[in-house]
Every structure is written in structure tokens, then in C-alpha cells.
PDB file of all heavy atoms in Angstrom:
ATOM      1  N   MET A   1     -10.339   2.277   7.037  1.00  0.00           N
ATOM      2  CA  MET A   1     -11.603   2.131   7.750  1.00  0.00           C
ATOM      3  C   MET A   1     -11.437   2.370   9.247  1.00  0.00           C
ATOM      4  O   MET A   1     -12.401   2.664   9.951  1.00  0.00           O
ATOM      5  CB  MET A   1     -12.198   0.738   7.512  1.00  0.00           C
ATOM      6  CG  MET A   1     -12.579   0.446   6.069  1.00  0.00           C
ATOM      7  SD  MET A   1     -13.760   1.624   5.385  1.00  0.00           S
ATOM      8  CE  MET A   1     -15.145   1.418   6.478  1.00  0.00           C
ATOM      9  N   ARG A   2     -10.189   2.276   9.744  1.00  0.00           N
ATOM     10  CA  ARG A   2      -9.943   2.557  11.155  1.00  0.00           C
ATOM     11  C   ARG A   2     -10.306   3.990  11.511  1.00  0.00           C
ATOM     12  O   ARG A   2     -10.530   4.321  12.680  1.00  0.00           O
ATOM     13  CB  ARG A   2      -8.466   2.337  11.480  1.00  0.00           C
ATOM     14  CG  ARG A   2      -7.983   0.900  11.375  1.00  0.00           C
ATOM     15  CD  ARG A   2      -6.469   0.844  11.518  1.00  0.00           C
ATOM     16  NE  ARG A   2      -5.965  -0.510  11.459  1.00  0.00           N
ATOM     17  CZ  ARG A   2      -4.665  -0.814  11.376  1.00  0.00           C
ATOM     18  NH1 ARG A   2      -3.772   0.162  11.340  1.00  0.00           N
ATOM     19  NH2 ARG A   2      -4.285  -2.069  11.321  1.00  0.00           N
ATOM     20  N   MET A   3     -10.346   4.862  10.505  1.00  0.00           N
ATOM     21  CA  MET A   3     -10.636   6.271  10.745  1.00  0.00           C
ATOM     22  C   MET A   3     -12.102   6.508  11.073  1.00  0.00           C
ATOM     23  O   MET A   3     -12.458   7.540  11.631  1.00  0.00           O
ATOM     24  CB  MET A   3     -10.270   7.097   9.510  1.00  0.00           C
ATOM     25  CG  MET A   3      -8.804   7.037   9.121  1.00  0.00           C
ATOM     26  SD  MET A   3      -8.494   7.831   7.514  1.00  0.00           S
ATOM     27  CE  MET A   3      -8.978   9.523   7.881  1.00  0.00           C
ATOM     28  N   LEU A   4     -12.972   5.575  10.714  1.00  0.00           N
ATOM     29  CA  LEU A   4     -14.420   5.780  10.827  1.00  0.00           C
ATOM     30  C   LEU A   4     -14.968   5.214  12.130  1.00  0.00           C
ATOM     31  O   LEU A   4     -14.733   4.045  12.459  1.00  0.00           O
ATOM     32  CB  LEU A   4     -15.140   5.122   9.649  1.00  0.00           C
ATOM     33  CG  LEU A   4     -14.664   5.495   8.243  1.00  0.00           C
ATOM     34  CD1 LEU A   4     -15.503   4.767   7.202  1.00  0.00           C
ATOM     35  CD2 LEU A   4     -14.740   6.996   8.033  1.00  0.00           C
ATOM     36  N   PHE A   5     -15.719   6.038  12.863  1.00  0.00           N
ATOM     37  CA  PHE A   5     -16.433   5.590  14.050  1.00  0.00           C
ATOM     38  C   PHE A   5     -17.924   5.620  13.739  1.00  0.00           C
ATOM     39  O   PHE A   5     -18.426   6.579  13.155  1.00  0.00           O
ATOM     40  CB  PHE A   5     -16.153   6.507  15.246  1.00  0.00           C
ATOM     41  CG  PHE A   5     -14.698   6.633  15.610  1.00  0.00           C
ATOM     42  CD1 PHE A   5     -14.245   7.736  16.311  1.00  0.00           C
ATOM     43  CD2 PHE A   5     -13.785   5.662  15.263  1.00  0.00           C
ATOM     44  CE1 PHE A   5     -12.912   7.873  16.656  1.00  0.00           C
ATOM     45  CE2 PHE A   5     -12.444   5.771  15.594  1.00  0.00           C
ATOM     46  CZ  PHE A   5     -12.009   6.884  16.287  1.00  0.00           C
ATOM     47  N   GLY A   6     -18.646   4.589  14.162  1.00  0.00           N
ATOM     48  CA  GLY A   6     -20.090   4.588  13.933  1.00  0.00           C
ATOM     49  C   GLY A   6     -20.615   3.204  13.630  1.00  0.00           C
ATOM     50  O   GLY A   6     -19.931   2.187  13.822  1.00  0.00           O
ATOM     51  N   ASP A   7     -21.852   3.152  13.172  1.00  0.00           N
ATOM     52  CA  ASP A   7     -22.504   1.906  12.761  1.00  0.00           C
ATOM     53  C   ASP A   7     -22.750   1.999  11.269  1.00  0.00           C
ATOM     54  O   ASP A   7     -23.533   2.846  10.824  1.00  0.00           O
ATOM     55  CB  ASP A   7     -23.837   1.722  13.497  1.00  0.00           C
ATOM     56  CG  ASP A   7     -23.673   1.718  15.014  1.00  0.00           C
ATOM     57  OD1 ASP A   7     -22.560   1.417  15.480  1.00  0.00           O
ATOM     58  OD2 ASP A   7     -24.652   2.018  15.722  1.00  0.00           O
ATOM     59  N   PHE A   8     -22.118   1.136  10.474  1.00  0.00           N
ATOM     60  CA  PHE A   8     -22.231   1.321   9.028  1.00  0.00           C
ATOM     61  C   PHE A   8     -21.829   0.074   8.250  1.00  0.00           C
ATOM     62  O   PHE A   8     -21.161  -0.841   8.760  1.00  0.00           O
ATOM     63  CB  PHE A   8     -21.334   2.482   8.570  1.00  0.00           C
ATOM     64  CG  PHE A   8     -19.881   2.296   8.928  1.00  0.00           C
ATOM     65  CD1 PHE A   8     -19.036   1.513   8.166  1.00  0.00           C
ATOM     66  CD2 PHE A   8     -19.363   2.901  10.065  1.00  0.00           C
ATOM     67  CE1 PHE A   8     -17.707   1.323   8.512  1.00  0.00           C
ATOM     68  CE2 PHE A   8     -18.033   2.726  10.423  1.00  0.00           C
ATOM     69  CZ  PHE A   8     -17.206   1.931   9.642  1.00  0.00           C
ATOM     70  N   ALA A   9     -22.257   0.070   6.989  1.00  0.00           N
ATOM     71  CA  ALA A   9     -21.777  -0.870   5.976  1.00  0.00           C
ATOM     72  C   ALA A   9     -21.436  -0.028   4.757  1.00  0.00           C
ATOM     73  O   ALA A   9     -22.167   0.898   4.412  1.00  0.00           O
ATOM     74  CB  ALA A   9     -22.855  -1.900   5.634  1.00  0.00           C
ATOM     75  N   ALA A  10     -20.308  -0.312   4.118  1.00  0.00           N
ATOM     76  CA  ALA A  10     -19.862   0.496   2.991  1.00  0.00           C
ATOM     77  C   ALA A  10     -19.323  -0.389   1.881  1.00  0.00           C
ATOM     78  O   ALA A  10     -18.718  -1.441   2.148  1.00  0.00           O
ATOM     79  CB  ALA A  10     -18.791   1.493   3.433  1.00  0.00           C
ATOM     80  N   ALA A  11     -19.547   0.049   0.648  1.00  0.00           N
ATOM     81  CA  ALA A  11     -19.010  -0.648  -0.523  1.00  0.00           C
ATOM     82  C   ALA A  11     -18.252   0.362  -1.372  1.00  0.00           C
ATOM     83  O   ALA A  11     -18.757   1.448  -1.661  1.00  0.00           O
ATOM     84  CB  ALA A  11     -20.136  -1.277  -1.331  1.00  0.00           C
ATOM     85  N   ILE A  12     -17.024   0.007  -1.756  1.00  0.00           N
ATOM     86  CA  ILE A  12     -16.186   0.882  -2.586  1.00  0.00           C
ATOM     87  C   ILE A  12     -15.749   0.106  -3.825  1.00  0.00           C
ATOM     88  O   ILE A  12     -15.065  -0.923  -3.705  1.00  0.00           O
ATOM     89  CB  ILE A  12     -14.937   1.357  -1.815  1.00  0.00           C
ATOM     90  CG1 ILE A  12     -15.334   2.065  -0.524  1.00  0.00           C
ATOM     91  CG2 ILE A  12     -14.080   2.260  -2.684  1.00  0.00           C
ATOM     92  CD1 ILE A  12     -14.145   2.414   0.357  1.00  0.00           C
ATOM     93  N   TRP A  13     -16.136   0.580  -4.988  1.00  0.00           N
ATOM     94  CA  TRP A  13     -15.682  -0.013  -6.245  1.00  0.00           C
ATOM     95  C   TRP A  13     -14.587   0.887  -6.813  1.00  0.00           C
ATOM     96  O   TRP A  13     -14.823   2.048  -7.123  1.00  0.00           O
ATOM     97  CB  TRP A  13     -16.827  -0.158  -7.230  1.00  0.00           C
ATOM     98  CG  TRP A  13     -16.382  -0.463  -8.636  1.00  0.00           C
ATOM     99  CD1 TRP A  13     -16.571   0.303  -9.747  1.00  0.00           C
ATOM    100  CD2 TRP A  13     -15.657  -1.614  -9.072  1.00  0.00           C
ATOM    101  NE1 TRP A  13     -16.012  -0.292 -10.860  1.00  0.00           N
ATOM    102  CE2 TRP A  13     -15.438  -1.476 -10.463  1.00  0.00           C
ATOM    103  CE3 TRP A  13     -15.155  -2.748  -8.411  1.00  0.00           C
ATOM    104  CZ2 TRP A  13     -14.748  -2.424 -11.224  1.00  0.00           C
ATOM    105  CZ3 TRP A  13     -14.470  -3.702  -9.172  1.00  0.00           C
ATOM    106  CH2 TRP A  13     -14.278  -3.534 -10.545  1.00  0.00           C
ATOM    107  N   ASP A  14     -13.372   0.342  -6.893  1.00  0.00           N
ATOM    108  CA  ASP A  14     -12.212   1.070  -7.396  1.00  0.00           C
ATOM    109  C   ASP A  14     -11.925   0.568  -8.804  1.00  0.00           C
ATOM    110  O   ASP A  14     -11.277  -0.475  -8.988  1.00  0.00           O
ATOM    111  CB  ASP A  14     -11.012   0.835  -6.475  1.00  0.00           C
ATOM    112  CG  ASP A  14      -9.816   1.702  -6.825  1.00  0.00           C
ATOM    113  OD1 ASP A  14      -9.773   2.212  -7.959  1.00  0.00           O
ATOM    114  OD2 ASP A  14      -8.924   1.861  -5.969  1.00  0.00           O
ATOM    115  N   ALA A  15     -12.397   1.304  -9.810  1.00  0.00           N
ATOM    116  CA  ALA A  15     -12.256   0.869 -11.205  1.00  0.00           C
ATOM    117  C   ALA A  15     -10.798   0.810 -11.628  1.00  0.00           C
ATOM    118  O   ALA A  15     -10.411  -0.064 -12.424  1.00  0.00           O
ATOM    119  CB  ALA A  15     -13.043   1.811 -12.115  1.00  0.00           C
ATOM    120  N   SER A  16      -9.951   1.721 -11.122  1.00  0.00           N
ATOM    121  CA  SER A  16      -8.548   1.746 -11.529  1.00  0.00           C
ATOM    122  C   SER A  16      -7.801   0.493 -11.082  1.00  0.00           C
ATOM    123  O   SER A  16      -6.822   0.087 -11.704  1.00  0.00           O
ATOM    124  CB  SER A  16      -7.858   2.992 -10.963  1.00  0.00           C
ATOM    125  OG  SER A  16      -7.811   2.942  -9.539  1.00  0.00           O
ATOM    126  N   ARG A  17      -8.263  -0.137 -10.008  1.00  0.00           N
ATOM    127  CA  ARG A  17      -7.622  -1.351  -9.496  1.00  0.00           C
ATOM    128  C   ARG A  17      -8.479  -2.581  -9.741  1.00  0.00           C
ATOM    129  O   ARG A  17      -8.100  -3.683  -9.335  1.00  0.00           O
ATOM    130  CB  ARG A  17      -7.333  -1.199  -7.998  1.00  0.00           C
ATOM    131  CG  ARG A  17      -6.289  -0.134  -7.687  1.00  0.00           C
ATOM    132  CD  ARG A  17      -6.143   0.071  -6.188  1.00  0.00           C
ATOM    133  NE  ARG A  17      -5.044   0.967  -5.859  1.00  0.00           N
ATOM    134  CZ  ARG A  17      -5.103   2.288  -5.912  1.00  0.00           C
ATOM    135  NH1 ARG A  17      -6.243   2.881  -6.287  1.00  0.00           N
ATOM    136  NH2 ARG A  17      -4.062   3.032  -5.622  1.00  0.00           N
ATOM    137  N   ASN A  18      -9.631  -2.386 -10.352  1.00  0.00           N
ATOM    138  CA  ASN A  18     -10.572  -3.482 -10.598  1.00  0.00           C
ATOM    139  C   ASN A  18     -10.831  -4.245  -9.291  1.00  0.00           C
ATOM    140  O   ASN A  18     -10.773  -5.462  -9.229  1.00  0.00           O
ATOM    141  CB  ASN A  18     -10.041  -4.436 -11.667  1.00  0.00           C
ATOM    142  CG  ASN A  18     -11.164  -5.277 -12.272  1.00  0.00           C
ATOM    143  OD1 ASN A  18     -12.318  -4.846 -12.340  1.00  0.00           O
ATOM    144  ND2 ASN A  18     -10.836  -6.480 -12.700  1.00  0.00           N
ATOM    145  N   ARG A  19     -11.130  -3.465  -8.225  1.00  0.00           N
ATOM    146  CA  ARG A  19     -11.271  -4.040  -6.894  1.00  0.00           C
ATOM    147  C   ARG A  19     -12.514  -3.511  -6.206  1.00  0.00           C
ATOM    148  O   ARG A  19     -12.839  -2.323  -6.296  1.00  0.00           O
ATOM    149  CB  ARG A  19     -10.039  -3.693  -6.057  1.00  0.00           C
ATOM    150  CG  ARG A  19     -10.104  -4.194  -4.618  1.00  0.00           C
ATOM    151  CD  ARG A  19      -8.823  -3.921  -3.866  1.00  0.00           C
ATOM    152  NE  ARG A  19      -8.628  -2.505  -3.589  1.00  0.00           N
ATOM    153  CZ  ARG A  19      -7.609  -2.033  -2.864  1.00  0.00           C
ATOM    154  NH1 ARG A  19      -6.694  -2.861  -2.391  1.00  0.00           N
ATOM    155  NH2 ARG A  19      -7.483  -0.737  -2.645  1.00  0.00           N
ATOM    156  N   LEU A  20     -13.205  -4.412  -5.524  1.00  0.00           N
ATOM    157  CA  LEU A  20     -14.357  -4.046  -4.707  1.00  0.00           C
ATOM    158  C   LEU A  20     -14.010  -4.273  -3.254  1.00  0.00           C
ATOM    159  O   LEU A  20     -13.470  -5.315  -2.886  1.00  0.00           O
ATOM    160  CB  LEU A  20     -15.575  -4.900  -5.081  1.00  0.00           C
ATOM    161  CG  LEU A  20     -16.805  -4.749  -4.178  1.00  0.00           C
ATOM    162  CD1 LEU A  20     -17.472  -3.391  -4.397  1.00  0.00           C
ATOM    163  CD2 LEU A  20     -17.805  -5.872  -4.437  1.00  0.00           C
ATOM    164  N   LEU A  21     -14.321  -3.291  -2.411  1.00  0.00           N
ATOM    165  CA  LEU A  21     -14.143  -3.424  -0.973  1.00  0.00           C
ATOM    166  C   LEU A  21     -15.500  -3.355  -0.289  1.00  0.00           C
ATOM    167  O   LEU A  21     -16.288  -2.445  -0.551  1.00  0.00           O
ATOM    168  CB  LEU A  21     -13.246  -2.306  -0.420  1.00  0.00           C
ATOM    169  CG  LEU A  21     -11.818  -2.225  -0.946  1.00  0.00           C
ATOM    170  CD1 LEU A  21     -11.101  -1.042  -0.303  1.00  0.00           C
ATOM    171  CD2 LEU A  21     -11.056  -3.512  -0.687  1.00  0.00           C
ATOM    172  N   LEU A  22     -15.769  -4.317   0.567  1.00  0.00           N
ATOM    173  CA  LEU A  22     -16.995  -4.333   1.361  1.00  0.00           C
ATOM    174  C   LEU A  22     -16.572  -4.250   2.828  1.00  0.00           C
ATOM    175  O   LEU A  22     -15.860  -5.131   3.322  1.00  0.00           O
ATOM    176  CB  LEU A  22     -17.789  -5.614   1.114  1.00  0.00           C
ATOM    177  CG  LEU A  22     -18.231  -5.869  -0.333  1.00  0.00           C
ATOM    178  CD1 LEU A  22     -18.922  -7.223  -0.440  1.00  0.00           C
ATOM    179  CD2 LEU A  22     -19.156  -4.767  -0.828  1.00  0.00           C
ATOM    180  N   ALA A  23     -16.985  -3.191   3.523  1.00  0.00           N
ATOM    181  CA  ALA A  23     -16.520  -2.955   4.886  1.00  0.00           C
ATOM    182  C   ALA A  23     -17.688  -2.849   5.853  1.00  0.00           C
ATOM    183  O   ALA A  23     -18.750  -2.327   5.518  1.00  0.00           O
ATOM    184  CB  ALA A  23     -15.676  -1.678   4.939  1.00  0.00           C
ATOM    185  N   ARG A  24     -17.435  -3.298   7.082  1.00  0.00           N
ATOM    186  CA  ARG A  24     -18.468  -3.298   8.122  1.00  0.00           C
ATOM    187  C   ARG A  24     -17.915  -2.670   9.392  1.00  0.00           C
ATOM    188  O   ARG A  24     -16.718  -2.760   9.678  1.00  0.00           O
ATOM    189  CB  ARG A  24     -18.900  -4.748   8.387  1.00  0.00           C
ATOM    190  CG  ARG A  24     -20.199  -4.909   9.146  1.00  0.00           C
ATOM    191  CD  ARG A  24     -20.590  -6.363   9.159  1.00  0.00           C
ATOM    192  NE  ARG A  24     -21.710  -6.617  10.045  1.00  0.00           N
ATOM    193  CZ  ARG A  24     -21.953  -7.808  10.590  1.00  0.00           C
ATOM    194  NH1 ARG A  24     -21.158  -8.830  10.328  1.00  0.00           N
ATOM    195  NH2 ARG A  24     -22.983  -7.963  11.397  1.00  0.00           N
ATOM    196  N   ASP A  25     -18.772  -2.038  10.185  1.00  0.00           N
ATOM    197  CA  ASP A  25     -18.312  -1.322  11.376  1.00  0.00           C
ATOM    198  C   ASP A  25     -17.708  -2.267  12.416  1.00  0.00           C
ATOM    199  O   ASP A  25     -17.828  -3.490  12.325  1.00  0.00           O
ATOM    200  CB  ASP A  25     -19.464  -0.514  11.986  1.00  0.00           C
ATOM    201  CG  ASP A  25     -20.568  -1.401  12.529  1.00  0.00           C
ATOM    202  OD1 ASP A  25     -20.378  -2.005  13.597  1.00  0.00           O
ATOM    203  OD2 ASP A  25     -21.625  -1.507  11.879  1.00  0.00           O
ATOM    204  N   CYS A  26     -17.066  -1.674  13.410  1.00  0.00           N
ATOM    205  CA  CYS A  26     -16.272  -2.436  14.374  1.00  0.00           C
ATOM    206  C   CYS A  26     -17.058  -3.519  15.106  1.00  0.00           C
ATOM    207  O   CYS A  26     -16.555  -4.614  15.346  1.00  0.00           O
ATOM    208  CB  CYS A  26     -15.639  -1.483  15.392  1.00  0.00           C
ATOM    209  SG  CYS A  26     -14.347  -0.431  14.712  1.00  0.00           S
ATOM    210  N   PHE A  27     -18.297  -3.217  15.491  1.00  0.00           N
ATOM    211  CA  PHE A  27     -19.073  -4.163  16.279  1.00  0.00           C
ATOM    212  C   PHE A  27     -20.140  -4.891  15.462  1.00  0.00           C
ATOM    213  O   PHE A  27     -20.947  -5.640  16.018  1.00  0.00           O
ATOM    214  CB  PHE A  27     -19.716  -3.440  17.468  1.00  0.00           C
ATOM    215  CG  PHE A  27     -18.702  -2.885  18.423  1.00  0.00           C
ATOM    216  CD1 PHE A  27     -18.424  -1.529  18.462  1.00  0.00           C
ATOM    217  CD2 PHE A  27     -17.998  -3.714  19.276  1.00  0.00           C
ATOM    218  CE1 PHE A  27     -17.476  -1.006  19.328  1.00  0.00           C
ATOM    219  CE2 PHE A  27     -17.048  -3.203  20.162  1.00  0.00           C
ATOM    220  CZ  PHE A  27     -16.788  -1.850  20.174  1.00  0.00           C
ATOM    221  N   GLY A  28     -20.147  -4.666  14.158  1.00  0.00           N
ATOM    222  CA  GLY A  28     -21.067  -5.398  13.297  1.00  0.00           C
ATOM    223  C   GLY A  28     -22.523  -5.045  13.506  1.00  0.00           C
ATOM    224  O   GLY A  28     -23.401  -5.892  13.338  1.00  0.00           O
ATOM    225  N   VAL A  29     -22.804  -3.801  13.862  1.00  0.00           N
ATOM    226  CA  VAL A  29     -24.191  -3.383  14.065  1.00  0.00           C
ATOM    227  C   VAL A  29     -24.940  -3.378  12.728  1.00  0.00           C
ATOM    228  O   VAL A  29     -26.074  -3.846  12.633  1.00  0.00           O
ATOM    229  CB  VAL A  29     -24.248  -1.986  14.712  1.00  0.00           C
ATOM    230  CG1 VAL A  29     -25.692  -1.505  14.830  1.00  0.00           C
ATOM    231  CG2 VAL A  29     -23.588  -2.018  16.086  1.00  0.00           C
ATOM    232  N   ALA A  30     -24.298  -2.844  11.697  1.00  0.00           N
ATOM    233  CA  ALA A  30     -24.898  -2.823  10.359  1.00  0.00           C
ATOM    234  C   ALA A  30     -24.462  -4.067   9.596  1.00  0.00           C
ATOM    235  O   ALA A  30     -23.266  -4.351   9.507  1.00  0.00           O
ATOM    236  CB  ALA A  30     -24.471  -1.567   9.606  1.00  0.00           C
ATOM    237  N   PRO A  31     -25.392  -4.831   9.030  1.00  0.00           N
ATOM    238  CA  PRO A  31     -25.006  -6.041   8.301  1.00  0.00           C
ATOM    239  C   PRO A  31     -24.563  -5.726   6.871  1.00  0.00           C
ATOM    240  O   PRO A  31     -24.903  -4.678   6.322  1.00  0.00           O
ATOM    241  CB  PRO A  31     -26.306  -6.855   8.294  1.00  0.00           C
ATOM    242  CG  PRO A  31     -27.389  -5.809   8.291  1.00  0.00           C
ATOM    243  CD  PRO A  31     -26.847  -4.668   9.128  1.00  0.00           C
ATOM    244  N   LEU A  32     -23.794  -6.630   6.289  1.00  0.00           N
ATOM    245  CA  LEU A  32     -23.384  -6.491   4.893  1.00  0.00           C
ATOM    246  C   LEU A  32     -23.157  -7.892   4.331  1.00  0.00           C
ATOM    247  O   LEU A  32     -22.228  -8.597   4.744  1.00  0.00           O
ATOM    248  CB  LEU A  32     -22.124  -5.642   4.765  1.00  0.00           C
ATOM    249  CG  LEU A  32     -21.632  -5.349   3.339  1.00  0.00           C
ATOM    250  CD1 LEU A  32     -22.756  -4.770   2.491  1.00  0.00           C
ATOM    251  CD2 LEU A  32     -20.443  -4.405   3.360  1.00  0.00           C
ATOM    252  N   TYR A  33     -24.021  -8.286   3.399  1.00  0.00           N
ATOM    253  CA  TYR A  33     -24.007  -9.628   2.840  1.00  0.00           C
ATOM    254  C   TYR A  33     -23.502  -9.614   1.404  1.00  0.00           C
ATOM    255  O   TYR A  33     -23.626  -8.615   0.694  1.00  0.00           O
ATOM    256  CB  TYR A  33     -25.426 -10.212   2.854  1.00  0.00           C
ATOM    257  CG  TYR A  33     -26.117 -10.157   4.195  1.00  0.00           C
ATOM    258  CD1 TYR A  33     -26.971  -9.093   4.518  1.00  0.00           C
ATOM    259  CD2 TYR A  33     -25.934 -11.150   5.147  1.00  0.00           C
ATOM    260  CE1 TYR A  33     -27.608  -9.038   5.750  1.00  0.00           C
ATOM    261  CE2 TYR A  33     -26.568 -11.107   6.375  1.00  0.00           C
ATOM    262  CZ  TYR A  33     -27.407 -10.043   6.672  1.00  0.00           C
ATOM    263  OH  TYR A  33     -28.035  -9.991   7.885  1.00  0.00           O
ATOM    264  N   TYR A  34     -22.960 -10.769   0.954  1.00  0.00           N
ATOM    265  CA  TYR A  34     -22.581 -10.893  -0.449  1.00  0.00           C
ATOM    266  C   TYR A  34     -22.736 -12.333  -0.903  1.00  0.00           C
ATOM    267  O   TYR A  34     -22.702 -13.283  -0.111  1.00  0.00           O
ATOM    268  CB  TYR A  34     -21.164 -10.370  -0.692  1.00  0.00           C
ATOM    269  CG  TYR A  34     -20.056 -11.074   0.060  1.00  0.00           C
ATOM    270  CD1 TYR A  34     -19.333 -12.132  -0.523  1.00  0.00           C
ATOM    271  CD2 TYR A  34     -19.693 -10.677   1.355  1.00  0.00           C
ATOM    272  CE1 TYR A  34     -18.301 -12.756   0.152  1.00  0.00           C
ATOM    273  CE2 TYR A  34     -18.658 -11.298   2.037  1.00  0.00           C
ATOM    274  CZ  TYR A  34     -17.962 -12.343   1.432  1.00  0.00           C
ATOM    275  OH  TYR A  34     -16.941 -12.968   2.097  1.00  0.00           O
ATOM    276  N   HIS A  35     -22.907 -12.486  -2.219  1.00  0.00           N
ATOM    277  CA  HIS A  35     -23.133 -13.805  -2.809  1.00  0.00           C
ATOM    278  C   HIS A  35     -22.320 -13.910  -4.092  1.00  0.00           C
ATOM    279  O   HIS A  35     -22.443 -13.076  -4.993  1.00  0.00           O
ATOM    280  CB  HIS A  35     -24.623 -13.999  -3.120  1.00  0.00           C
ATOM    281  CG  HIS A  35     -24.916 -15.228  -3.920  1.00  0.00           C
ATOM    282  ND1 HIS A  35     -24.638 -16.496  -3.478  1.00  0.00           N
ATOM    283  CD2 HIS A  35     -25.467 -15.370  -5.165  1.00  0.00           C
ATOM    284  CE1 HIS A  35     -25.016 -17.381  -4.385  1.00  0.00           C
ATOM    285  NE2 HIS A  35     -25.505 -16.723  -5.413  1.00  0.00           N
TER     286      HIS A  35
END
């Protein structure tokens, strides 16, 4: 995620690792919530 510059929220579901990644930009401009 260090490679990305901007304002964003991203979700990556990796089925091979059974893992979910939820990422937010450096300054938290874009929100990303979970429950």
C-alpha cells in the first residue's frame, strides 16, 4: 500500500490465503468501516 498515493479505501479478498485486507489512505481522507 506504500506504493499508492491518493485518497482511497480498498478491500482485497485473497481466497488462496483466506484473508481479507482493508486499507485506508495515508491521511484518512476516505473512511473505511467494519463490523
